[in-house]
Structure formats: structure tokens, C-alpha cells
Amino acid sequence: MNLVYAHQLLVAAGQQRDRSFQVIGSSGCEEVQRMAAAGLVEISIQGNRTEPAVSIERLTDFGRTFLRAFAAPLPLAKEERTPTEPRSASCAAAVSKWRDKFVAMQMREAR
């Protein structure tokens, strides 16, 4: 999941108080489906094969916690990897850091 894009989608969907937030296009729809699988949002699938669309119906409690954890968007840092290091390893490290920070915040809230 692209965490920066997911954050942007959550912010936009959160601003739609009484309405759903629609995402059109295959790449955006795939991202929203990943967010739903992660438990950040509830969605409804619309559209068709030529123009897929997904609506974010509401943010879950987990999605709101995600937004609180990353209230200020993090600046994108230059990638710290060697030219021979695979990109997936660099991305995995970044996701791991975000996940650890997110889980730590949830544990604090649970206390």
C-alpha cells in the first residue's frame, strides 16, 4: 500500500461528512481495495471493467487512528539505498517503520 496516497485518500474521504468519496480508475481502485483489506475503510465497488470505480463509504476506527498517527504528512526523504539494492527492500523498510509507529500509537491509546 502506498502510505502517502492512502493518507491523502483518508483525508479526502474524512472531509466528506455525509457522502461517500468516489475513486475512479484502476490504480486508485486497487489502492482503496488494499486500504479496505487493511481495515482502514469500508467501501462499495461500482463502475465496470472499462472504468472501475470504488466508493469509500466511511473511515473505520482503525482508519481514524491511522490519520491521527500521521496527522502531519511526513516529508518524502531521498531514498537511502545503494544502486544495487532492490527497491522492494527499501520500500519494505519504510513500511516497517510506519507500521511500528502506528502499532505503538494504538498500544498507547489502548491503555
N, C-alpha and C. Protein backbone atom coordinates (compact mmCIF):
# COMPACT_ATOMS: atom_id res chain seq x y z
N MET A 1 0.84 -1.17 0.00
CA MET A 1 0.00 0.00 0.00
C MET A 1 0.89 1.24 0.00
N ASN A 2 0.55 2.19 -0.82
CA ASN A 2 1.26 3.47 -0.88
C ASN A 2 0.74 4.31 0.29
N LEU A 3 1.53 4.43 1.35
CA LEU A 3 1.07 5.08 2.57
C LEU A 3 0.77 6.56 2.39
N VAL A 4 1.54 7.24 1.57
CA VAL A 4 1.30 8.67 1.34
C VAL A 4 -0.03 8.85 0.60
N TYR A 5 -0.26 8.04 -0.44
CA TYR A 5 -1.50 8.11 -1.19
C TYR A 5 -2.69 7.69 -0.31
N ALA A 6 -2.49 6.64 0.50
CA ALA A 6 -3.54 6.20 1.41
C ALA A 6 -3.91 7.32 2.38
N HIS A 7 -2.91 8.03 2.89
CA HIS A 7 -3.16 9.15 3.80
C HIS A 7 -3.97 10.23 3.09
N GLN A 8 -3.61 10.55 1.86
CA GLN A 8 -4.34 11.57 1.09
C GLN A 8 -5.79 11.15 0.88
N LEU A 9 -6.01 9.89 0.54
CA LEU A 9 -7.37 9.40 0.34
C LEU A 9 -8.18 9.43 1.63
N LEU A 10 -7.55 9.07 2.74
CA LEU A 10 -8.25 9.09 4.03
C LEU A 10 -8.64 10.52 4.41
N VAL A 11 -7.74 11.47 4.20
CA VAL A 11 -8.04 12.87 4.50
C VAL A 11 -9.22 13.34 3.64
N ALA A 12 -9.16 13.05 2.35
CA ALA A 12 -10.23 13.48 1.43
C ALA A 12 -11.56 12.81 1.80
N ALA A 13 -11.53 11.53 2.10
CA ALA A 13 -12.76 10.82 2.46
C ALA A 13 -13.30 11.32 3.80
N GLY A 14 -12.42 11.65 4.72
CA GLY A 14 -12.84 12.17 6.02
C GLY A 14 -13.52 13.52 5.93
N GLN A 15 -13.22 14.27 4.90
CA GLN A 15 -13.83 15.59 4.71
C GLN A 15 -15.23 15.48 4.12
N GLN A 16 -15.59 14.32 3.60
CA GLN A 16 -16.94 14.09 3.04
C GLN A 16 -17.84 13.58 4.15
N ARG A 17 -18.33 14.45 4.98
CA ARG A 17 -19.09 14.05 6.17
C ARG A 17 -20.28 13.13 5.86
N ASP A 18 -21.18 13.54 5.03
CA ASP A 18 -22.41 12.79 4.81
C ASP A 18 -22.45 12.06 3.47
N ARG A 19 -21.35 12.09 2.75
CA ARG A 19 -21.32 11.47 1.43
C ARG A 19 -20.16 10.51 1.34
N SER A 20 -20.27 9.63 0.37
CA SER A 20 -19.15 8.73 0.11
C SER A 20 -18.16 9.45 -0.80
N PHE A 21 -16.94 8.97 -0.80
CA PHE A 21 -15.87 9.55 -1.61
C PHE A 21 -15.55 8.55 -2.72
N GLN A 22 -15.74 8.96 -3.96
CA GLN A 22 -15.56 8.04 -5.08
C GLN A 22 -14.17 8.18 -5.70
N VAL A 23 -13.57 7.03 -5.97
CA VAL A 23 -12.27 6.95 -6.63
C VAL A 23 -12.48 6.21 -7.94
N ILE A 24 -12.03 6.82 -9.04
CA ILE A 24 -12.22 6.24 -10.37
C ILE A 24 -10.85 5.91 -10.96
N GLY A 25 -10.75 4.78 -11.62
CA GLY A 25 -9.50 4.37 -12.26
C GLY A 25 -8.94 3.13 -11.60
N SER A 26 -8.31 2.30 -12.39
CA SER A 26 -7.86 1.00 -11.88
C SER A 26 -6.81 1.11 -10.78
N SER A 27 -5.82 2.00 -10.92
CA SER A 27 -4.77 2.07 -9.89
C SER A 27 -5.34 2.61 -8.58
N GLY A 28 -6.18 3.64 -8.66
CA GLY A 28 -6.80 4.19 -7.44
C GLY A 28 -7.72 3.19 -6.77
N CYS A 29 -8.47 2.45 -7.58
CA CYS A 29 -9.39 1.45 -7.04
C CYS A 29 -8.63 0.33 -6.34
N GLU A 30 -7.53 -0.09 -6.93
CA GLU A 30 -6.71 -1.13 -6.30
C GLU A 30 -6.18 -0.66 -4.95
N GLU A 31 -5.77 0.59 -4.90
CA GLU A 31 -5.25 1.14 -3.64
C GLU A 31 -6.34 1.18 -2.57
N VAL A 32 -7.53 1.61 -2.95
CA VAL A 32 -8.64 1.68 -1.99
C VAL A 32 -9.02 0.27 -1.53
N GLN A 33 -8.95 -0.71 -2.41
CA GLN A 33 -9.24 -2.08 -2.02
C GLN A 33 -8.20 -2.60 -1.04
N ARG A 34 -6.94 -2.20 -1.22
CA ARG A 34 -5.89 -2.56 -0.25
C ARG A 34 -6.18 -1.92 1.10
N MET A 35 -6.63 -0.67 1.07
CA MET A 35 -6.96 0.04 2.32
C MET A 35 -8.11 -0.67 3.03
N ALA A 36 -9.10 -1.13 2.26
CA ALA A 36 -10.22 -1.86 2.85
C ALA A 36 -9.76 -3.18 3.44
N ALA A 37 -8.86 -3.86 2.74
CA ALA A 37 -8.33 -5.13 3.24
C ALA A 37 -7.53 -4.93 4.53
N ALA A 38 -6.90 -3.77 4.66
CA ALA A 38 -6.15 -3.45 5.87
C ALA A 38 -7.05 -2.97 7.00
N GLY A 39 -8.34 -2.75 6.69
CA GLY A 39 -9.28 -2.35 7.73
C GLY A 39 -9.36 -0.85 7.96
N LEU A 40 -8.85 -0.05 7.01
CA LEU A 40 -8.86 1.40 7.18
C LEU A 40 -10.19 2.04 6.76
N VAL A 41 -10.89 1.42 5.81
CA VAL A 41 -12.12 1.99 5.28
C VAL A 41 -13.13 0.89 4.97
N GLU A 42 -14.40 1.31 4.84
CA GLU A 42 -15.43 0.44 4.30
C GLU A 42 -15.77 0.98 2.92
N ILE A 43 -15.87 0.08 1.95
CA ILE A 43 -16.05 0.51 0.56
C ILE A 43 -17.24 -0.17 -0.10
N SER A 44 -17.65 0.39 -1.22
CA SER A 44 -18.58 -0.28 -2.13
C SER A 44 -17.97 -0.19 -3.52
N ILE A 45 -18.03 -1.30 -4.24
CA ILE A 45 -17.43 -1.36 -5.57
C ILE A 45 -18.50 -1.00 -6.59
N GLN A 46 -18.11 -0.12 -7.51
CA GLN A 46 -19.03 0.36 -8.54
C GLN A 46 -18.31 0.31 -9.87
N GLY A 47 -18.90 0.91 -10.87
CA GLY A 47 -18.24 1.01 -12.17
C GLY A 47 -18.30 -0.31 -12.93
N ASN A 48 -17.45 -0.41 -13.93
CA ASN A 48 -17.40 -1.61 -14.76
C ASN A 48 -15.96 -1.89 -15.15
N ARG A 49 -15.76 -2.84 -16.03
CA ARG A 49 -14.39 -3.22 -16.39
C ARG A 49 -13.66 -2.13 -17.17
N THR A 50 -14.39 -1.34 -17.94
CA THR A 50 -13.71 -0.30 -18.72
C THR A 50 -13.39 0.92 -17.86
N GLU A 51 -14.23 1.20 -16.87
CA GLU A 51 -13.96 2.32 -15.97
C GLU A 51 -14.32 1.92 -14.55
N PRO A 52 -13.37 1.28 -13.85
CA PRO A 52 -13.66 0.84 -12.49
C PRO A 52 -13.81 2.03 -11.54
N ALA A 53 -14.65 1.85 -10.53
CA ALA A 53 -14.86 2.89 -9.52
C ALA A 53 -15.13 2.23 -8.18
N VAL A 54 -14.65 2.86 -7.14
CA VAL A 54 -14.86 2.39 -5.78
C VAL A 54 -15.24 3.60 -4.94
N SER A 55 -16.20 3.41 -4.05
CA SER A 55 -16.58 4.49 -3.14
C SER A 55 -16.14 4.14 -1.73
N ILE A 56 -15.48 5.09 -1.09
CA ILE A 56 -15.15 4.93 0.33
C ILE A 56 -16.40 5.39 1.09
N GLU A 57 -17.08 4.45 1.73
CA GLU A 57 -18.33 4.77 2.42
C GLU A 57 -18.07 5.42 3.78
N ARG A 58 -17.08 4.91 4.49
CA ARG A 58 -16.74 5.52 5.77
C ARG A 58 -15.36 5.06 6.22
N LEU A 59 -14.75 5.87 7.07
CA LEU A 59 -13.48 5.50 7.68
C LEU A 59 -13.78 4.65 8.91
N THR A 60 -13.01 3.63 9.11
CA THR A 60 -13.17 2.81 10.30
C THR A 60 -12.42 3.46 11.46
N ASP A 61 -12.59 2.92 12.65
CA ASP A 61 -11.83 3.43 13.80
C ASP A 61 -10.34 3.28 13.55
N PHE A 62 -9.96 2.20 12.92
CA PHE A 62 -8.56 1.96 12.57
C PHE A 62 -8.07 3.03 11.59
N GLY A 63 -8.92 3.40 10.62
CA GLY A 63 -8.57 4.44 9.67
C GLY A 63 -8.39 5.79 10.34
N ARG A 64 -9.25 6.10 11.32
CA ARG A 64 -9.11 7.37 12.06
C ARG A 64 -7.83 7.37 12.90
N THR A 65 -7.51 6.21 13.46
CA THR A 65 -6.26 6.10 14.23
C THR A 65 -5.06 6.31 13.32
N PHE A 66 -5.12 5.76 12.12
CA PHE A 66 -4.06 5.96 11.13
C PHE A 66 -3.88 7.46 10.86
N LEU A 67 -4.99 8.18 10.67
CA LEU A 67 -4.90 9.62 10.41
C LEU A 67 -4.30 10.37 11.59
N ARG A 68 -4.67 9.99 12.80
CA ARG A 68 -4.09 10.66 13.98
C ARG A 68 -2.60 10.37 14.10
N ALA A 69 -2.21 9.15 13.76
CA ALA A 69 -0.80 8.77 13.86
C ALA A 69 0.06 9.57 12.89
N PHE A 70 -0.52 9.90 11.75
CA PHE A 70 0.22 10.63 10.72
C PHE A 70 -0.52 11.90 10.37
N ALA A 71 -0.83 12.70 11.40
CA ALA A 71 -1.60 13.93 11.20
C ALA A 71 -0.89 14.89 10.25
N ALA A 72 0.39 15.05 10.41
CA ALA A 72 1.16 15.90 9.50
C ALA A 72 1.86 14.98 8.52
N PRO A 73 1.63 15.16 7.23
CA PRO A 73 2.30 14.29 6.25
C PRO A 73 3.81 14.37 6.40
N LEU A 74 4.42 13.23 6.38
CA LEU A 74 5.86 13.16 6.51
C LEU A 74 6.51 13.63 5.22
N PRO A 75 7.57 14.41 5.32
CA PRO A 75 8.27 14.81 4.09
C PRO A 75 8.89 13.58 3.44
N LEU A 76 8.86 13.54 2.15
CA LEU A 76 9.45 12.42 1.45
C LEU A 76 10.97 12.57 1.45
N ALA A 77 11.62 11.62 2.05
CA ALA A 77 13.08 11.65 2.12
C ALA A 77 13.67 11.01 0.88
N LYS A 78 14.89 11.40 0.58
CA LYS A 78 15.60 10.74 -0.52
C LYS A 78 15.82 9.30 -0.13
N GLU A 79 15.73 8.44 -1.09
CA GLU A 79 15.92 7.02 -0.80
C GLU A 79 17.35 6.79 -0.33
N GLU A 80 17.43 6.05 0.76
CA GLU A 80 18.74 5.73 1.31
C GLU A 80 19.06 4.28 0.96
N ARG A 81 19.47 4.08 -0.27
CA ARG A 81 19.83 2.74 -0.70
C ARG A 81 20.93 2.85 -1.75
N THR A 82 21.63 1.78 -1.88
CA THR A 82 22.67 1.74 -2.90
C THR A 82 22.01 1.43 -4.24
N PRO A 83 22.66 1.76 -5.33
CA PRO A 83 22.07 1.48 -6.65
C PRO A 83 21.80 0.00 -6.89
N THR A 84 22.53 -0.88 -6.21
CA THR A 84 22.32 -2.31 -6.43
C THR A 84 21.28 -2.90 -5.49
N GLU A 85 20.90 -2.18 -4.44
CA GLU A 85 19.90 -2.68 -3.51
C GLU A 85 18.53 -2.64 -4.17
N PRO A 86 17.78 -3.72 -4.10
CA PRO A 86 16.46 -3.72 -4.72
C PRO A 86 15.53 -2.70 -4.08
N ARG A 87 14.71 -2.10 -4.90
CA ARG A 87 13.75 -1.10 -4.42
C ARG A 87 12.80 -1.70 -3.39
N SER A 88 12.40 -2.94 -3.58
CA SER A 88 11.44 -3.56 -2.67
C SER A 88 11.98 -3.61 -1.24
N ALA A 89 13.28 -3.80 -1.08
CA ALA A 89 13.86 -3.81 0.27
C ALA A 89 13.75 -2.44 0.91
N SER A 90 13.99 -1.39 0.13
CA SER A 90 13.89 -0.04 0.64
C SER A 90 12.44 0.28 1.03
N CYS A 91 11.50 -0.10 0.18
CA CYS A 91 10.08 0.13 0.47
C CYS A 91 9.64 -0.67 1.69
N ALA A 92 10.10 -1.90 1.79
CA ALA A 92 9.73 -2.74 2.93
C ALA A 92 10.22 -2.13 4.23
N ALA A 93 11.40 -1.55 4.23
CA ALA A 93 11.93 -0.91 5.43
C ALA A 93 11.09 0.29 5.82
N ALA A 94 10.67 1.07 4.85
CA ALA A 94 9.84 2.24 5.14
C ALA A 94 8.48 1.81 5.70
N VAL A 95 7.88 0.81 5.09
CA VAL A 95 6.58 0.33 5.58
C VAL A 95 6.72 -0.22 6.99
N SER A 96 7.80 -0.91 7.26
CA SER A 96 8.03 -1.45 8.59
C SER A 96 8.11 -0.35 9.64
N LYS A 97 8.82 0.74 9.33
CA LYS A 97 8.93 1.86 10.27
C LYS A 97 7.57 2.49 10.53
N TRP A 98 6.78 2.69 9.47
CA TRP A 98 5.44 3.27 9.63
C TRP A 98 4.57 2.35 10.46
N ARG A 99 4.62 1.05 10.19
CA ARG A 99 3.79 0.08 10.91
C ARG A 99 4.15 0.08 12.39
N ASP A 100 5.45 0.09 12.70
CA ASP A 100 5.88 0.09 14.10
C ASP A 100 5.37 1.32 14.83
N LYS A 101 5.45 2.47 14.18
CA LYS A 101 4.98 3.72 14.79
C LYS A 101 3.46 3.67 15.00
N PHE A 102 2.75 3.12 14.05
CA PHE A 102 1.30 3.02 14.10
C PHE A 102 0.86 2.08 15.22
N VAL A 103 1.50 0.92 15.32
CA VAL A 103 1.16 -0.06 16.36
C VAL A 103 1.47 0.52 17.74
N ALA A 104 2.58 1.22 17.88
CA ALA A 104 2.93 1.83 19.16
C ALA A 104 1.88 2.84 19.59
N MET A 105 1.38 3.61 18.65
CA MET A 105 0.34 4.59 18.98
C MET A 105 -0.95 3.89 19.41
N GLN A 106 -1.31 2.81 18.74
CA GLN A 106 -2.51 2.07 19.12
C GLN A 106 -2.39 1.50 20.52
N MET A 107 -1.21 1.01 20.85
CA MET A 107 -0.99 0.43 22.18
C MET A 107 -1.12 1.51 23.25
N ARG A 108 -0.61 2.71 22.97
CA ARG A 108 -0.75 3.82 23.94
C ARG A 108 -2.21 4.18 24.14
N GLU A 109 -2.98 4.20 23.05
CA GLU A 109 -4.40 4.56 23.15
C GLU A 109 -5.19 3.51 23.90
N ALA A 110 -4.78 2.25 23.79
CA ALA A 110 -5.49 1.17 24.45
C ALA A 110 -5.33 1.21 25.96
N ARG A 111 -4.29 1.84 26.44
CA ARG A 111 -4.04 1.90 27.90
C ARG A 111 -4.97 2.82 28.55
